[in-house]
N, C-alpha and C. Protein backbone atom coordinates (compact mmCIF):
# COMPACT_ATOMS: atom_id res chain seq x y z
N MET A 1 14.12 13.85 23.35
CA MET A 1 13.59 14.27 22.05
C MET A 1 14.50 15.32 21.43
N THR A 2 14.80 15.15 20.15
CA THR A 2 15.61 16.14 19.45
C THR A 2 14.72 17.17 18.77
N PHE A 3 15.29 18.35 18.54
CA PHE A 3 14.53 19.40 17.86
C PHE A 3 14.16 18.97 16.46
N GLY A 4 15.07 18.23 15.81
CA GLY A 4 14.80 17.77 14.44
C GLY A 4 13.58 16.87 14.37
N LEU A 5 13.45 15.96 15.35
CA LEU A 5 12.30 15.06 15.36
C LEU A 5 11.00 15.83 15.59
N LEU A 6 11.02 16.75 16.55
CA LEU A 6 9.83 17.55 16.82
C LEU A 6 9.47 18.40 15.61
N ALA A 7 10.47 18.96 14.95
CA ALA A 7 10.22 19.77 13.74
C ALA A 7 9.58 18.91 12.67
N SER A 8 10.04 17.66 12.53
CA SER A 8 9.45 16.76 11.54
C SER A 8 8.00 16.46 11.86
N VAL A 9 7.69 16.27 13.15
CA VAL A 9 6.31 16.03 13.58
C VAL A 9 5.43 17.22 13.21
N LEU A 10 5.94 18.43 13.48
CA LEU A 10 5.16 19.63 13.20
C LEU A 10 4.92 19.81 11.71
N VAL A 11 5.96 19.60 10.91
CA VAL A 11 5.80 19.74 9.46
C VAL A 11 4.85 18.67 8.92
N PHE A 12 5.06 17.43 9.35
CA PHE A 12 4.21 16.33 8.90
C PHE A 12 2.75 16.59 9.26
N GLY A 13 2.49 16.99 10.51
CA GLY A 13 1.12 17.25 10.94
C GLY A 13 0.46 18.36 10.16
N PHE A 14 1.18 19.46 9.97
CA PHE A 14 0.58 20.59 9.27
C PHE A 14 0.36 20.28 7.80
N VAL A 15 1.37 19.68 7.15
CA VAL A 15 1.26 19.43 5.71
C VAL A 15 0.16 18.40 5.42
N THR A 16 0.09 17.34 6.23
CA THR A 16 -0.95 16.34 5.99
C THR A 16 -2.34 16.91 6.25
N SER A 17 -2.43 17.90 7.14
CA SER A 17 -3.74 18.49 7.43
C SER A 17 -4.17 19.49 6.38
N ILE A 18 -3.22 20.04 5.64
CA ILE A 18 -3.57 21.09 4.68
C ILE A 18 -3.69 20.56 3.25
N THR A 19 -3.21 19.33 3.01
CA THR A 19 -3.31 18.76 1.67
C THR A 19 -4.74 18.28 1.39
N PRO A 20 -5.11 18.18 0.13
CA PRO A 20 -6.49 17.81 -0.22
C PRO A 20 -6.89 16.45 0.33
N GLY A 21 -8.13 16.35 0.73
CA GLY A 21 -8.67 15.11 1.26
C GLY A 21 -10.13 15.31 1.63
N PRO A 22 -10.79 14.25 2.08
CA PRO A 22 -12.22 14.35 2.42
C PRO A 22 -12.53 15.44 3.45
N ASN A 23 -11.74 15.49 4.54
CA ASN A 23 -11.99 16.51 5.56
C ASN A 23 -11.90 17.91 4.99
N ASN A 24 -10.87 18.16 4.20
CA ASN A 24 -10.68 19.50 3.67
C ASN A 24 -11.72 19.87 2.62
N THR A 25 -12.22 18.87 1.91
CA THR A 25 -13.32 19.14 0.98
C THR A 25 -14.55 19.61 1.75
N PHE A 26 -14.85 18.91 2.85
CA PHE A 26 -15.98 19.32 3.69
C PHE A 26 -15.75 20.70 4.28
N LEU A 27 -14.53 20.95 4.77
CA LEU A 27 -14.24 22.25 5.38
C LEU A 27 -14.28 23.37 4.35
N PHE A 28 -13.77 23.12 3.16
CA PHE A 28 -13.82 24.13 2.10
C PHE A 28 -15.27 24.47 1.77
N THR A 29 -16.09 23.42 1.62
CA THR A 29 -17.50 23.62 1.31
C THR A 29 -18.21 24.34 2.44
N SER A 30 -17.92 23.93 3.68
CA SER A 30 -18.55 24.55 4.84
C SER A 30 -18.17 26.02 4.94
N GLY A 31 -16.88 26.32 4.71
CA GLY A 31 -16.44 27.71 4.76
C GLY A 31 -17.12 28.56 3.70
N ALA A 32 -17.29 27.98 2.50
CA ALA A 32 -17.92 28.73 1.41
C ALA A 32 -19.39 28.97 1.67
N ASN A 33 -20.06 28.02 2.31
CA ASN A 33 -21.50 28.11 2.49
C ASN A 33 -21.94 28.67 3.85
N PHE A 34 -21.13 28.43 4.89
CA PHE A 34 -21.56 28.82 6.24
C PHE A 34 -20.58 29.74 6.95
N GLY A 35 -19.38 29.95 6.38
CA GLY A 35 -18.38 30.79 7.02
C GLY A 35 -17.46 30.00 7.94
N VAL A 36 -16.35 30.62 8.31
CA VAL A 36 -15.34 29.95 9.13
C VAL A 36 -15.87 29.63 10.52
N ARG A 37 -16.58 30.57 11.13
CA ARG A 37 -17.03 30.37 12.51
C ARG A 37 -17.90 29.13 12.66
N ARG A 38 -18.84 28.93 11.76
CA ARG A 38 -19.72 27.77 11.85
C ARG A 38 -19.03 26.48 11.40
N SER A 39 -17.84 26.62 10.82
CA SER A 39 -17.07 25.45 10.40
C SER A 39 -16.16 24.94 11.51
N LEU A 40 -15.96 25.72 12.57
CA LEU A 40 -15.05 25.32 13.64
C LEU A 40 -15.47 24.03 14.34
N PRO A 41 -16.77 23.76 14.58
CA PRO A 41 -17.12 22.47 15.19
C PRO A 41 -16.65 21.27 14.38
N TYR A 42 -16.66 21.38 13.05
CA TYR A 42 -16.16 20.28 12.23
C TYR A 42 -14.66 20.12 12.44
N ALA A 43 -13.91 21.23 12.45
CA ALA A 43 -12.46 21.17 12.67
C ALA A 43 -12.15 20.58 14.04
N ASN A 44 -12.93 20.96 15.05
CA ASN A 44 -12.74 20.40 16.39
C ASN A 44 -13.05 18.90 16.42
N GLY A 45 -14.04 18.50 15.66
CA GLY A 45 -14.40 17.08 15.57
C GLY A 45 -13.29 16.25 14.96
N ILE A 46 -12.57 16.82 14.00
CA ILE A 46 -11.43 16.11 13.41
C ILE A 46 -10.40 15.79 14.48
N ILE A 47 -10.07 16.78 15.30
CA ILE A 47 -9.07 16.58 16.36
C ILE A 47 -9.53 15.54 17.36
N ALA A 48 -10.79 15.60 17.75
CA ALA A 48 -11.31 14.62 18.70
C ALA A 48 -11.26 13.21 18.11
N GLY A 49 -11.66 13.08 16.85
CA GLY A 49 -11.64 11.78 16.20
C GLY A 49 -10.23 11.23 16.06
N LEU A 50 -9.28 12.08 15.67
CA LEU A 50 -7.90 11.65 15.52
C LEU A 50 -7.29 11.25 16.86
N SER A 51 -7.69 11.92 17.92
CA SER A 51 -7.19 11.58 19.26
C SER A 51 -7.61 10.16 19.64
N VAL A 52 -8.87 9.83 19.38
CA VAL A 52 -9.36 8.48 19.67
C VAL A 52 -8.64 7.45 18.80
N MET A 53 -8.41 7.81 17.53
CA MET A 53 -7.70 6.90 16.63
C MET A 53 -6.28 6.66 17.11
N MET A 54 -5.62 7.69 17.63
CA MET A 54 -4.27 7.52 18.18
C MET A 54 -4.26 6.47 19.28
N LEU A 55 -5.21 6.59 20.20
CA LEU A 55 -5.27 5.65 21.32
C LEU A 55 -5.56 4.23 20.83
N ALA A 56 -6.46 4.12 19.86
CA ALA A 56 -6.82 2.80 19.34
C ALA A 56 -5.64 2.15 18.63
N ILE A 57 -4.95 2.93 17.81
CA ILE A 57 -3.79 2.39 17.09
C ILE A 57 -2.68 2.02 18.06
N ALA A 58 -2.44 2.88 19.05
CA ALA A 58 -1.39 2.61 20.03
C ALA A 58 -1.71 1.35 20.84
N ALA A 59 -2.95 1.19 21.21
CA ALA A 59 -3.34 0.03 22.02
C ALA A 59 -3.24 -1.27 21.23
N GLY A 60 -3.65 -1.23 19.97
CA GLY A 60 -3.64 -2.45 19.18
C GLY A 60 -2.32 -2.78 18.53
N LEU A 61 -1.64 -1.76 18.01
CA LEU A 61 -0.40 -2.00 17.28
C LEU A 61 0.82 -2.08 18.19
N GLY A 62 0.72 -1.50 19.37
CA GLY A 62 1.86 -1.52 20.28
C GLY A 62 2.32 -2.93 20.62
N VAL A 63 1.37 -3.81 20.92
CA VAL A 63 1.70 -5.19 21.26
C VAL A 63 2.30 -5.91 20.06
N ILE A 64 1.70 -5.68 18.89
CA ILE A 64 2.20 -6.33 17.66
C ILE A 64 3.61 -5.85 17.34
N PHE A 65 3.86 -4.55 17.46
CA PHE A 65 5.19 -4.01 17.17
C PHE A 65 6.23 -4.57 18.15
N ALA A 66 5.83 -4.72 19.40
CA ALA A 66 6.77 -5.22 20.42
C ALA A 66 7.18 -6.67 20.14
N THR A 67 6.25 -7.47 19.66
CA THR A 67 6.55 -8.90 19.43
C THR A 67 7.10 -9.17 18.04
N THR A 68 6.77 -8.29 17.07
CA THR A 68 7.23 -8.48 15.69
C THR A 68 7.74 -7.16 15.12
N PRO A 69 9.01 -6.83 15.39
CA PRO A 69 9.56 -5.55 14.90
C PRO A 69 9.49 -5.40 13.39
N LEU A 70 9.52 -6.51 12.66
CA LEU A 70 9.48 -6.42 11.20
C LEU A 70 8.18 -5.76 10.74
N ILE A 71 7.09 -6.02 11.44
CA ILE A 71 5.81 -5.41 11.09
C ILE A 71 5.89 -3.89 11.30
N TYR A 72 6.55 -3.50 12.38
CA TYR A 72 6.74 -2.07 12.67
C TYR A 72 7.50 -1.39 11.54
N GLN A 73 8.61 -1.99 11.13
CA GLN A 73 9.41 -1.41 10.06
C GLN A 73 8.66 -1.43 8.73
N SER A 74 7.94 -2.51 8.48
CA SER A 74 7.19 -2.61 7.22
C SER A 74 6.13 -1.54 7.13
N LEU A 75 5.41 -1.33 8.23
CA LEU A 75 4.36 -0.31 8.25
C LEU A 75 4.94 1.08 8.03
N LYS A 76 6.14 1.30 8.59
CA LYS A 76 6.79 2.60 8.40
C LYS A 76 7.04 2.86 6.92
N TRP A 77 7.57 1.86 6.21
CA TRP A 77 7.89 2.04 4.79
C TRP A 77 6.65 2.02 3.91
N VAL A 78 5.66 1.24 4.31
CA VAL A 78 4.39 1.27 3.57
C VAL A 78 3.75 2.64 3.73
N GLY A 79 3.79 3.18 4.93
CA GLY A 79 3.27 4.52 5.17
C GLY A 79 4.00 5.56 4.35
N PHE A 80 5.33 5.44 4.27
CA PHE A 80 6.11 6.38 3.47
C PHE A 80 5.77 6.25 1.99
N ALA A 81 5.60 5.01 1.53
CA ALA A 81 5.25 4.80 0.12
C ALA A 81 3.91 5.45 -0.19
N TYR A 82 2.96 5.33 0.72
CA TYR A 82 1.66 5.97 0.50
C TYR A 82 1.80 7.49 0.47
N ILE A 83 2.63 8.02 1.37
CA ILE A 83 2.85 9.46 1.41
C ILE A 83 3.44 9.95 0.08
N VAL A 84 4.41 9.20 -0.45
CA VAL A 84 5.00 9.56 -1.74
C VAL A 84 3.95 9.51 -2.84
N TYR A 85 3.12 8.47 -2.82
CA TYR A 85 2.06 8.34 -3.82
C TYR A 85 1.07 9.50 -3.70
N MET A 86 0.68 9.83 -2.47
CA MET A 86 -0.26 10.93 -2.27
C MET A 86 0.36 12.25 -2.71
N ALA A 87 1.66 12.43 -2.44
CA ALA A 87 2.35 13.64 -2.87
C ALA A 87 2.36 13.75 -4.39
N TYR A 88 2.56 12.62 -5.05
CA TYR A 88 2.54 12.60 -6.52
C TYR A 88 1.17 13.04 -7.05
N LEU A 89 0.11 12.51 -6.46
CA LEU A 89 -1.23 12.88 -6.91
C LEU A 89 -1.51 14.36 -6.66
N ILE A 90 -1.02 14.85 -5.53
CA ILE A 90 -1.22 16.26 -5.20
C ILE A 90 -0.46 17.15 -6.18
N ALA A 91 0.79 16.78 -6.47
CA ALA A 91 1.62 17.61 -7.35
C ALA A 91 1.06 17.69 -8.77
N ARG A 92 0.44 16.61 -9.23
CA ARG A 92 -0.05 16.61 -10.61
C ARG A 92 -1.48 17.15 -10.72
N SER A 93 -2.09 17.43 -9.59
CA SER A 93 -3.46 17.96 -9.62
C SER A 93 -3.41 19.46 -9.90
N THR A 94 -4.27 19.90 -10.81
CA THR A 94 -4.28 21.32 -11.16
C THR A 94 -5.65 21.95 -11.02
N THR A 95 -6.64 21.15 -10.67
CA THR A 95 -8.00 21.70 -10.59
C THR A 95 -8.49 21.72 -9.16
N LYS A 96 -9.39 22.61 -8.92
CA LYS A 96 -9.97 22.77 -7.59
C LYS A 96 -10.92 21.61 -7.30
N SER A 97 -10.93 21.15 -6.03
CA SER A 97 -11.81 20.04 -5.65
C SER A 97 -13.27 20.41 -5.81
N GLU A 98 -14.06 19.43 -6.19
CA GLU A 98 -15.51 19.65 -6.25
C GLU A 98 -16.06 19.75 -4.84
N SER A 99 -16.85 20.75 -4.59
CA SER A 99 -17.36 20.94 -3.24
C SER A 99 -18.63 20.15 -2.97
N GLY A 100 -19.39 19.85 -3.99
CA GLY A 100 -20.60 19.07 -3.79
C GLY A 100 -21.73 19.90 -3.22
N GLU A 101 -22.78 19.23 -2.84
CA GLU A 101 -23.96 19.90 -2.31
C GLU A 101 -23.69 20.46 -0.93
N ALA A 102 -24.16 21.66 -0.67
CA ALA A 102 -23.96 22.29 0.63
C ALA A 102 -24.70 21.50 1.72
N ARG A 103 -23.99 21.18 2.77
CA ARG A 103 -24.58 20.46 3.89
C ARG A 103 -23.79 20.77 5.15
N TYR A 104 -24.49 21.19 6.19
CA TYR A 104 -23.79 21.54 7.42
C TYR A 104 -23.46 20.28 8.21
N ILE A 105 -22.20 20.16 8.60
CA ILE A 105 -21.76 19.02 9.39
C ILE A 105 -21.12 19.55 10.66
N GLY A 106 -21.69 19.18 11.79
CA GLY A 106 -21.20 19.67 13.07
C GLY A 106 -20.17 18.76 13.71
N PHE A 107 -19.99 18.93 15.02
CA PHE A 107 -18.95 18.22 15.77
C PHE A 107 -19.14 16.70 15.76
N ALA A 108 -20.32 16.23 16.13
CA ALA A 108 -20.55 14.79 16.27
C ALA A 108 -20.35 14.05 14.95
N ARG A 109 -20.88 14.58 13.86
CA ARG A 109 -20.72 13.94 12.56
C ARG A 109 -19.26 13.95 12.12
N SER A 110 -18.55 15.02 12.47
CA SER A 110 -17.14 15.10 12.12
C SER A 110 -16.33 14.02 12.83
N VAL A 111 -16.59 13.83 14.13
CA VAL A 111 -15.89 12.78 14.89
C VAL A 111 -16.16 11.42 14.26
N ALA A 112 -17.42 11.13 13.98
CA ALA A 112 -17.79 9.83 13.40
C ALA A 112 -17.16 9.62 12.03
N PHE A 113 -17.07 10.69 11.25
CA PHE A 113 -16.55 10.56 9.90
C PHE A 113 -15.09 10.11 9.87
N GLN A 114 -14.32 10.47 10.91
CA GLN A 114 -12.90 10.11 10.91
C GLN A 114 -12.68 8.60 10.84
N PHE A 115 -13.62 7.84 11.36
CA PHE A 115 -13.44 6.39 11.42
C PHE A 115 -13.79 5.69 10.10
N ILE A 116 -14.33 6.42 9.15
CA ILE A 116 -14.57 5.86 7.82
C ILE A 116 -13.79 6.64 6.75
N ASN A 117 -12.88 7.49 7.21
CA ASN A 117 -12.07 8.31 6.32
C ASN A 117 -10.74 7.59 6.05
N PRO A 118 -10.54 7.06 4.84
CA PRO A 118 -9.32 6.31 4.55
C PRO A 118 -8.04 7.12 4.76
N LYS A 119 -8.07 8.38 4.36
CA LYS A 119 -6.87 9.21 4.53
C LYS A 119 -6.51 9.34 6.01
N ALA A 120 -7.50 9.51 6.87
CA ALA A 120 -7.23 9.65 8.30
C ALA A 120 -6.56 8.40 8.86
N TRP A 121 -7.04 7.21 8.48
CA TRP A 121 -6.45 5.97 8.97
C TRP A 121 -5.02 5.80 8.48
N ILE A 122 -4.79 6.10 7.22
CA ILE A 122 -3.45 5.96 6.66
C ILE A 122 -2.49 6.94 7.31
N ILE A 123 -2.90 8.19 7.43
CA ILE A 123 -2.03 9.20 8.02
C ILE A 123 -1.73 8.88 9.48
N MET A 124 -2.75 8.49 10.24
CA MET A 124 -2.53 8.20 11.65
C MET A 124 -1.67 6.96 11.83
N SER A 125 -1.86 5.96 10.99
CA SER A 125 -1.01 4.76 11.07
C SER A 125 0.44 5.11 10.73
N ALA A 126 0.62 5.92 9.68
CA ALA A 126 1.96 6.33 9.29
C ALA A 126 2.62 7.16 10.40
N PHE A 127 1.84 8.05 11.01
CA PHE A 127 2.37 8.88 12.10
C PHE A 127 2.81 8.03 13.28
N MET A 128 1.94 7.13 13.71
CA MET A 128 2.25 6.31 14.88
C MET A 128 3.44 5.39 14.60
N ALA A 129 3.55 4.90 13.38
CA ALA A 129 4.64 3.97 13.05
C ALA A 129 5.98 4.67 12.90
N THR A 130 5.97 5.93 12.48
CA THR A 130 7.23 6.61 12.19
C THR A 130 7.69 7.55 13.30
N PHE A 131 6.77 8.15 14.02
CA PHE A 131 7.15 9.15 15.02
C PHE A 131 7.04 8.66 16.46
N ILE A 132 6.27 7.62 16.70
CA ILE A 132 6.09 7.10 18.05
C ILE A 132 6.88 5.79 18.15
N HIS A 133 7.90 5.78 19.01
CA HIS A 133 8.80 4.65 19.08
C HIS A 133 8.60 3.88 20.39
N LEU A 134 8.82 2.59 20.31
CA LEU A 134 8.52 1.71 21.44
C LEU A 134 9.32 2.06 22.69
N ASP A 135 10.53 2.54 22.53
CA ASP A 135 11.38 2.83 23.69
C ASP A 135 11.37 4.30 24.09
N ASP A 136 10.51 5.10 23.49
CA ASP A 136 10.42 6.51 23.87
C ASP A 136 9.84 6.64 25.27
N PRO A 137 10.36 7.59 26.07
CA PRO A 137 9.72 7.87 27.36
C PRO A 137 8.33 8.48 27.14
N LEU A 138 7.46 8.31 28.11
CA LEU A 138 6.07 8.77 27.99
C LEU A 138 5.98 10.26 27.66
N PRO A 139 6.77 11.14 28.31
CA PRO A 139 6.66 12.57 27.97
C PRO A 139 6.95 12.86 26.50
N THR A 140 7.90 12.13 25.91
CA THR A 140 8.22 12.32 24.49
C THR A 140 7.04 11.90 23.62
N THR A 141 6.45 10.77 23.94
CA THR A 141 5.30 10.28 23.18
C THR A 141 4.14 11.26 23.26
N ILE A 142 3.85 11.74 24.45
CA ILE A 142 2.74 12.69 24.63
C ILE A 142 3.02 13.98 23.89
N THR A 143 4.26 14.47 23.97
CA THR A 143 4.63 15.71 23.29
C THR A 143 4.45 15.59 21.79
N ASN A 144 4.90 14.47 21.21
CA ASN A 144 4.76 14.27 19.77
C ASN A 144 3.30 14.21 19.35
N CYS A 145 2.49 13.49 20.12
CA CYS A 145 1.06 13.36 19.78
C CYS A 145 0.34 14.70 19.89
N VAL A 146 0.60 15.42 20.98
CA VAL A 146 -0.05 16.72 21.18
C VAL A 146 0.41 17.71 20.11
N ALA A 147 1.70 17.70 19.79
CA ALA A 147 2.22 18.61 18.75
C ALA A 147 1.54 18.33 17.42
N PHE A 148 1.38 17.05 17.09
CA PHE A 148 0.70 16.69 15.83
C PHE A 148 -0.72 17.23 15.80
N LEU A 149 -1.46 17.05 16.89
CA LEU A 149 -2.85 17.49 16.93
C LEU A 149 -2.96 19.02 16.89
N ILE A 150 -2.04 19.70 17.57
CA ILE A 150 -2.07 21.17 17.60
C ILE A 150 -1.90 21.76 16.20
N VAL A 151 -0.94 21.22 15.43
CA VAL A 151 -0.70 21.80 14.10
C VAL A 151 -1.70 21.29 13.06
N THR A 152 -2.42 20.23 13.38
CA THR A 152 -3.45 19.72 12.47
C THR A 152 -4.65 20.66 12.42
N TRP A 153 -5.01 21.22 13.54
CA TRP A 153 -6.21 22.06 13.63
C TRP A 153 -6.16 23.27 12.69
N PRO A 154 -5.10 24.09 12.73
CA PRO A 154 -5.10 25.26 11.83
C PRO A 154 -5.07 24.88 10.36
N GLY A 155 -4.48 23.70 10.03
CA GLY A 155 -4.48 23.27 8.64
C GLY A 155 -5.89 23.12 8.10
N GLY A 156 -6.77 22.54 8.91
CA GLY A 156 -8.16 22.40 8.49
C GLY A 156 -8.90 23.73 8.43
N VAL A 157 -8.63 24.59 9.41
CA VAL A 157 -9.31 25.88 9.46
C VAL A 157 -8.94 26.73 8.25
N ILE A 158 -7.70 26.59 7.78
CA ILE A 158 -7.28 27.33 6.59
C ILE A 158 -8.15 26.97 5.39
N TRP A 159 -8.52 25.68 5.29
CA TRP A 159 -9.40 25.27 4.20
C TRP A 159 -10.79 25.90 4.33
N ALA A 160 -11.28 26.00 5.54
CA ALA A 160 -12.57 26.66 5.74
C ALA A 160 -12.48 28.13 5.34
N ALA A 161 -11.38 28.77 5.73
CA ALA A 161 -11.18 30.17 5.35
C ALA A 161 -11.01 30.28 3.84
N GLY A 162 -10.34 29.28 3.26
CA GLY A 162 -10.16 29.28 1.81
C GLY A 162 -11.48 29.23 1.06
N GLY A 163 -12.42 28.47 1.60
CA GLY A 163 -13.73 28.40 0.98
C GLY A 163 -14.44 29.73 1.00
N GLN A 164 -14.07 30.54 1.98
CA GLN A 164 -14.73 31.84 2.14
C GLN A 164 -14.07 32.94 1.31
N VAL A 165 -12.73 32.88 1.20
CA VAL A 165 -12.06 34.02 0.55
C VAL A 165 -11.11 33.65 -0.60
N LEU A 166 -10.74 32.37 -0.74
CA LEU A 166 -9.74 32.03 -1.74
C LEU A 166 -10.25 31.20 -2.91
N SER A 167 -11.54 31.02 -2.99
CA SER A 167 -12.08 30.15 -4.03
C SER A 167 -11.67 30.61 -5.43
N ASN A 168 -11.82 31.87 -5.72
CA ASN A 168 -11.48 32.37 -7.06
C ASN A 168 -9.97 32.31 -7.32
N TRP A 169 -9.17 32.63 -6.30
CA TRP A 169 -7.71 32.62 -6.47
C TRP A 169 -7.21 31.22 -6.79
N LEU A 170 -7.73 30.20 -6.10
CA LEU A 170 -7.28 28.83 -6.31
C LEU A 170 -7.83 28.23 -7.60
N SER A 171 -8.77 28.88 -8.24
CA SER A 171 -9.29 28.36 -9.50
C SER A 171 -8.32 28.59 -10.65
N ASN A 172 -7.31 29.44 -10.43
CA ASN A 172 -6.29 29.67 -11.44
C ASN A 172 -5.37 28.45 -11.50
N PRO A 173 -5.30 27.74 -12.65
CA PRO A 173 -4.51 26.50 -12.73
C PRO A 173 -3.04 26.67 -12.34
N ARG A 174 -2.42 27.76 -12.73
CA ARG A 174 -1.00 27.96 -12.43
C ARG A 174 -0.78 28.12 -10.93
N ARG A 175 -1.61 28.91 -10.28
CA ARG A 175 -1.49 29.09 -8.83
C ARG A 175 -1.77 27.79 -8.09
N ARG A 176 -2.79 27.06 -8.56
CA ARG A 176 -3.14 25.79 -7.95
C ARG A 176 -1.99 24.80 -8.07
N ARG A 177 -1.32 24.78 -9.23
CA ARG A 177 -0.21 23.86 -9.45
C ARG A 177 0.96 24.20 -8.51
N ILE A 178 1.29 25.47 -8.38
CA ILE A 178 2.38 25.88 -7.48
C ILE A 178 2.07 25.47 -6.05
N PHE A 179 0.85 25.72 -5.60
CA PHE A 179 0.44 25.34 -4.25
C PHE A 179 0.59 23.84 -4.03
N ASN A 180 0.12 23.05 -4.98
CA ASN A 180 0.16 21.59 -4.84
C ASN A 180 1.59 21.05 -4.86
N ILE A 181 2.44 21.60 -5.71
CA ILE A 181 3.82 21.13 -5.78
C ILE A 181 4.56 21.41 -4.47
N VAL A 182 4.39 22.61 -3.93
CA VAL A 182 5.03 22.97 -2.66
C VAL A 182 4.55 22.05 -1.54
N ALA A 183 3.24 21.81 -1.47
CA ALA A 183 2.69 20.95 -0.44
C ALA A 183 3.21 19.52 -0.58
N ALA A 184 3.32 19.03 -1.82
CA ALA A 184 3.79 17.67 -2.06
C ALA A 184 5.24 17.51 -1.62
N VAL A 185 6.08 18.48 -1.96
CA VAL A 185 7.49 18.42 -1.58
C VAL A 185 7.65 18.42 -0.06
N LEU A 186 6.93 19.31 0.60
CA LEU A 186 7.00 19.38 2.06
C LEU A 186 6.50 18.09 2.72
N LEU A 187 5.47 17.49 2.13
CA LEU A 187 4.91 16.26 2.67
C LEU A 187 5.94 15.13 2.67
N VAL A 188 6.63 14.96 1.55
CA VAL A 188 7.65 13.91 1.47
C VAL A 188 8.85 14.26 2.35
N ALA A 189 9.28 15.51 2.32
CA ALA A 189 10.44 15.93 3.11
C ALA A 189 10.22 15.73 4.61
N SER A 190 8.99 15.87 5.06
CA SER A 190 8.72 15.72 6.49
C SER A 190 8.93 14.29 6.97
N MET A 191 8.89 13.30 6.05
CA MET A 191 9.05 11.90 6.42
C MET A 191 10.50 11.44 6.40
N ILE A 192 11.34 12.07 5.60
CA ILE A 192 12.71 11.58 5.39
C ILE A 192 13.54 11.49 6.68
N PRO A 193 13.51 12.50 7.58
CA PRO A 193 14.37 12.41 8.78
C PRO A 193 14.04 11.25 9.71
N VAL A 194 12.83 10.71 9.64
CA VAL A 194 12.44 9.68 10.60
C VAL A 194 12.51 8.27 10.04
N LEU A 195 12.86 8.11 8.78
CA LEU A 195 12.86 6.78 8.18
C LEU A 195 13.93 5.87 8.76
N THR A 196 15.01 6.44 9.27
CA THR A 196 16.09 5.63 9.82
C THR A 196 15.96 5.42 11.31
N LEU A 197 14.94 6.02 11.93
CA LEU A 197 14.75 5.84 13.37
C LEU A 197 14.13 4.50 13.66
N HIS A 198 14.45 3.94 14.81
CA HIS A 198 13.93 2.63 15.19
C HIS A 198 13.04 2.75 16.42
């Protein structure tokens, strides 16, 4: 494993976890209504759900990738295209997400939610297709997966903290735009080093 690849995994994991999406909307709302501490079970549930999704994707797509490399490459570029599209939407967004009605969601509901969360499926498929390679040794694969999960957790917790202390600051359109543009650029940049890997 090269340092550049691991760095890309870390950036990709953190940026995808901190950009707007269903999980972060829930965490932002939970932080605003219940505080960071009571929001931690939801953040932990995200990690547990993503771990199961990793195993499911690896078990099902591994055989397909091995027999049809074109599908592997296609998924990589489709995943990148989605990331670029998501970055575009993030960069042009200037308003704070609607938090909706306050509702406490604990660990079990958080785990279950990951399997109906479109962003989670797309991100995990893109991650597995671009960072996990068929000929990688097992320690490299495990390191990449664990690194992704480790940096995903604080990204979600930041949203919970944001709901508690940053709500007014992020309501400023100019500040919100700067935040979104930086996140969008980092999101796309994290994918570029791995596009040529096989």
